[in-house]
Structure formats: structure tokens, C-alpha cells
Amino acid sequence: MITISILVATGKERQLRNHVLAALRFGLSPQQLIEMMIHAAHYSGWPSGMNGLRVLQDALDERGIEV
């Protein structure tokens, strides 16, 4: 969760995608990941948070997971 938050804050979208997919495999729910992106946005800025949400949505779509 810390790694995902740091990747959101620093705009490392390519690496973020891999960590989001791993988090889903390890049992984090899509809702938990959404909340992480929103929380990170408060500290790193809304553009970073919105980019994180986009990466998350792309990963969820790729896996066929609906939120």
C-alpha cells in the first residue's frame, strides 16, 4: 500500500499498474485501492490522484472487474 501511494505521488504510472495488479492478486479490494488513490490525491495533488485512478480503472477493466 505504501509503494502504491508513493508511485501515485511521484507519477510513476507504468510501475503503478504492476503494483495495482499485484495488490488485487494479494487480496486488496478495488474499493480499497480507490480509497488509496483519493487519499493520496489529498497529499500529492489531484492530478496525481486522478492519474492513479485512471491507471487503476484500466487495470480493473483489463481484469474484467466491475466497481
N, C-alpha and C. Protein backbone atom coordinates (compact mmCIF):
# COMPACT_ATOMS: atom_id res chain seq x y z
N MET A 1 0.83 -1.19 0.00
CA MET A 1 0.00 0.00 0.00
C MET A 1 0.88 1.26 0.00
N ILE A 2 1.97 1.20 0.72
CA ILE A 2 2.89 2.34 0.76
C ILE A 2 3.50 2.55 -0.62
N THR A 3 3.92 1.47 -1.24
CA THR A 3 4.53 1.57 -2.57
C THR A 3 3.55 2.18 -3.56
N ILE A 4 2.31 1.73 -3.54
CA ILE A 4 1.29 2.28 -4.44
C ILE A 4 1.12 3.76 -4.20
N SER A 5 1.04 4.16 -2.95
CA SER A 5 0.87 5.58 -2.62
C SER A 5 2.04 6.41 -3.13
N ILE A 6 3.24 5.92 -2.96
CA ILE A 6 4.42 6.65 -3.42
C ILE A 6 4.44 6.74 -4.94
N LEU A 7 4.08 5.65 -5.61
CA LEU A 7 4.04 5.67 -7.08
C LEU A 7 3.00 6.65 -7.59
N VAL A 8 1.86 6.74 -6.92
CA VAL A 8 0.84 7.73 -7.29
C VAL A 8 1.42 9.13 -7.12
N ALA A 9 2.01 9.38 -5.96
CA ALA A 9 2.52 10.72 -5.65
C ALA A 9 3.63 11.17 -6.59
N THR A 10 4.42 10.21 -7.07
CA THR A 10 5.55 10.58 -7.93
C THR A 10 5.26 10.40 -9.42
N GLY A 11 4.04 9.98 -9.73
CA GLY A 11 3.63 9.89 -11.13
C GLY A 11 4.26 8.75 -11.91
N LYS A 12 4.60 7.69 -11.24
CA LYS A 12 5.23 6.53 -11.90
C LYS A 12 4.13 5.56 -12.36
N GLU A 13 3.41 5.95 -13.42
CA GLU A 13 2.23 5.21 -13.84
C GLU A 13 2.54 3.80 -14.33
N ARG A 14 3.62 3.63 -15.05
CA ARG A 14 3.95 2.31 -15.58
C ARG A 14 4.17 1.31 -14.44
N GLN A 15 4.92 1.70 -13.43
CA GLN A 15 5.17 0.84 -12.28
C GLN A 15 3.90 0.69 -11.44
N LEU A 16 3.11 1.75 -11.37
CA LEU A 16 1.87 1.71 -10.58
C LEU A 16 0.95 0.61 -11.08
N ARG A 17 0.82 0.48 -12.39
CA ARG A 17 -0.05 -0.54 -12.96
C ARG A 17 0.32 -1.93 -12.44
N ASN A 18 1.60 -2.25 -12.45
CA ASN A 18 2.04 -3.57 -11.98
C ASN A 18 1.75 -3.78 -10.51
N HIS A 19 1.93 -2.75 -9.71
CA HIS A 19 1.68 -2.88 -8.28
C HIS A 19 0.19 -2.96 -7.98
N VAL A 20 -0.63 -2.26 -8.75
CA VAL A 20 -2.08 -2.35 -8.59
C VAL A 20 -2.55 -3.77 -8.90
N LEU A 21 -2.06 -4.34 -9.99
CA LEU A 21 -2.43 -5.70 -10.34
C LEU A 21 -1.98 -6.69 -9.26
N ALA A 22 -0.79 -6.49 -8.72
CA ALA A 22 -0.31 -7.36 -7.65
C ALA A 22 -1.17 -7.21 -6.40
N ALA A 23 -1.55 -5.99 -6.07
CA ALA A 23 -2.40 -5.76 -4.89
C ALA A 23 -3.73 -6.49 -5.04
N LEU A 24 -4.29 -6.47 -6.24
CA LEU A 24 -5.54 -7.20 -6.47
C LEU A 24 -5.34 -8.70 -6.29
N ARG A 25 -4.22 -9.22 -6.78
CA ARG A 25 -3.92 -10.66 -6.62
C ARG A 25 -3.73 -11.02 -5.15
N PHE A 26 -3.19 -10.10 -4.36
CA PHE A 26 -2.93 -10.38 -2.95
C PHE A 26 -4.12 -10.07 -2.05
N GLY A 27 -5.26 -9.70 -2.66
CA GLY A 27 -6.48 -9.61 -1.88
C GLY A 27 -7.01 -8.22 -1.55
N LEU A 28 -6.33 -7.16 -1.98
CA LEU A 28 -6.91 -5.83 -1.76
C LEU A 28 -8.12 -5.69 -2.67
N SER A 29 -9.15 -5.07 -2.17
CA SER A 29 -10.37 -4.89 -2.97
C SER A 29 -10.23 -3.66 -3.86
N PRO A 30 -10.97 -3.63 -4.95
CA PRO A 30 -10.97 -2.42 -5.78
C PRO A 30 -11.34 -1.18 -4.98
N GLN A 31 -12.30 -1.31 -4.05
CA GLN A 31 -12.71 -0.16 -3.25
C GLN A 31 -11.57 0.34 -2.37
N GLN A 32 -10.78 -0.55 -1.81
CA GLN A 32 -9.63 -0.14 -1.01
C GLN A 32 -8.63 0.63 -1.86
N LEU A 33 -8.41 0.16 -3.08
CA LEU A 33 -7.46 0.84 -3.97
C LEU A 33 -7.99 2.21 -4.39
N ILE A 34 -9.27 2.31 -4.64
CA ILE A 34 -9.87 3.61 -4.97
C ILE A 34 -9.67 4.58 -3.81
N GLU A 35 -9.93 4.12 -2.61
CA GLU A 35 -9.76 4.98 -1.43
C GLU A 35 -8.30 5.40 -1.26
N MET A 36 -7.37 4.52 -1.59
CA MET A 36 -5.95 4.88 -1.52
C MET A 36 -5.62 6.00 -2.50
N MET A 37 -6.17 5.92 -3.71
CA MET A 37 -5.92 6.95 -4.72
C MET A 37 -6.47 8.30 -4.27
N ILE A 38 -7.66 8.28 -3.72
CA ILE A 38 -8.27 9.52 -3.25
C ILE A 38 -7.47 10.10 -2.09
N HIS A 39 -7.06 9.23 -1.18
CA HIS A 39 -6.27 9.70 -0.04
C HIS A 39 -4.94 10.29 -0.51
N ALA A 40 -4.28 9.59 -1.44
CA ALA A 40 -3.00 10.09 -1.97
C ALA A 40 -3.20 11.44 -2.66
N ALA A 41 -4.33 11.61 -3.33
CA ALA A 41 -4.60 12.87 -4.04
C ALA A 41 -4.62 14.06 -3.09
N HIS A 42 -5.08 13.86 -1.88
CA HIS A 42 -5.12 14.96 -0.90
C HIS A 42 -3.72 15.45 -0.55
N TYR A 43 -2.75 14.56 -0.60
CA TYR A 43 -1.39 14.92 -0.20
C TYR A 43 -0.47 15.21 -1.38
N SER A 44 -0.69 14.52 -2.51
CA SER A 44 0.23 14.69 -3.64
C SER A 44 -0.35 15.58 -4.74
N GLY A 45 -1.62 15.94 -4.60
CA GLY A 45 -2.27 16.77 -5.61
C GLY A 45 -3.27 15.97 -6.41
N TRP A 46 -4.33 16.64 -6.79
CA TRP A 46 -5.41 15.96 -7.51
C TRP A 46 -4.99 15.42 -8.87
N PRO A 47 -4.12 16.09 -9.61
CA PRO A 47 -3.70 15.48 -10.88
C PRO A 47 -3.05 14.11 -10.68
N SER A 48 -2.22 13.98 -9.66
CA SER A 48 -1.60 12.68 -9.38
C SER A 48 -2.64 11.64 -9.00
N GLY A 49 -3.56 12.04 -8.16
CA GLY A 49 -4.62 11.12 -7.73
C GLY A 49 -5.51 10.68 -8.88
N MET A 50 -5.84 11.61 -9.75
CA MET A 50 -6.69 11.27 -10.90
C MET A 50 -5.94 10.36 -11.88
N ASN A 51 -4.64 10.59 -12.05
CA ASN A 51 -3.85 9.68 -12.88
C ASN A 51 -3.83 8.28 -12.26
N GLY A 52 -3.70 8.22 -10.94
CA GLY A 52 -3.73 6.93 -10.25
C GLY A 52 -5.06 6.22 -10.44
N LEU A 53 -6.15 6.97 -10.35
CA LEU A 53 -7.46 6.37 -10.56
C LEU A 53 -7.62 5.85 -11.99
N ARG A 54 -7.07 6.58 -12.95
CA ARG A 54 -7.14 6.14 -14.34
C ARG A 54 -6.37 4.84 -14.54
N VAL A 55 -5.16 4.76 -13.96
CA VAL A 55 -4.37 3.54 -14.04
C VAL A 55 -5.13 2.38 -13.39
N LEU A 56 -5.72 2.64 -12.23
CA LEU A 56 -6.49 1.62 -11.54
C LEU A 56 -7.67 1.17 -12.39
N GLN A 57 -8.41 2.11 -12.96
CA GLN A 57 -9.57 1.75 -13.79
C GLN A 57 -9.14 0.92 -15.00
N ASP A 58 -8.04 1.28 -15.62
CA ASP A 58 -7.53 0.50 -16.75
C ASP A 58 -7.20 -0.93 -16.31
N ALA A 59 -6.58 -1.08 -15.15
CA ALA A 59 -6.22 -2.39 -14.64
C ALA A 59 -7.47 -3.21 -14.32
N LEU A 60 -8.46 -2.56 -13.73
CA LEU A 60 -9.71 -3.25 -13.42
C LEU A 60 -10.43 -3.68 -14.69
N ASP A 61 -10.45 -2.80 -15.68
CA ASP A 61 -11.08 -3.14 -16.96
C ASP A 61 -10.36 -4.31 -17.61
N GLU A 62 -9.04 -4.31 -17.54
CA GLU A 62 -8.23 -5.38 -18.12
C GLU A 62 -8.57 -6.73 -17.48
N ARG A 63 -8.84 -6.71 -16.19
CA ARG A 63 -9.17 -7.94 -15.44
C ARG A 63 -10.66 -8.26 -15.47
N GLY A 64 -11.47 -7.37 -16.04
CA GLY A 64 -12.92 -7.60 -16.08
C GLY A 64 -13.59 -7.42 -14.74
N ILE A 65 -13.00 -6.57 -13.89
CA ILE A 65 -13.55 -6.32 -12.56
C ILE A 65 -14.39 -5.05 -12.59
N GLU A 66 -15.64 -5.17 -12.17
CA GLU A 66 -16.54 -4.01 -12.12
C GLU A 66 -16.57 -3.44 -10.71
N VAL A 67 -16.65 -2.13 -10.64
CA VAL A 67 -16.73 -1.46 -9.33
C VAL A 67 -18.06 -0.77 -9.23
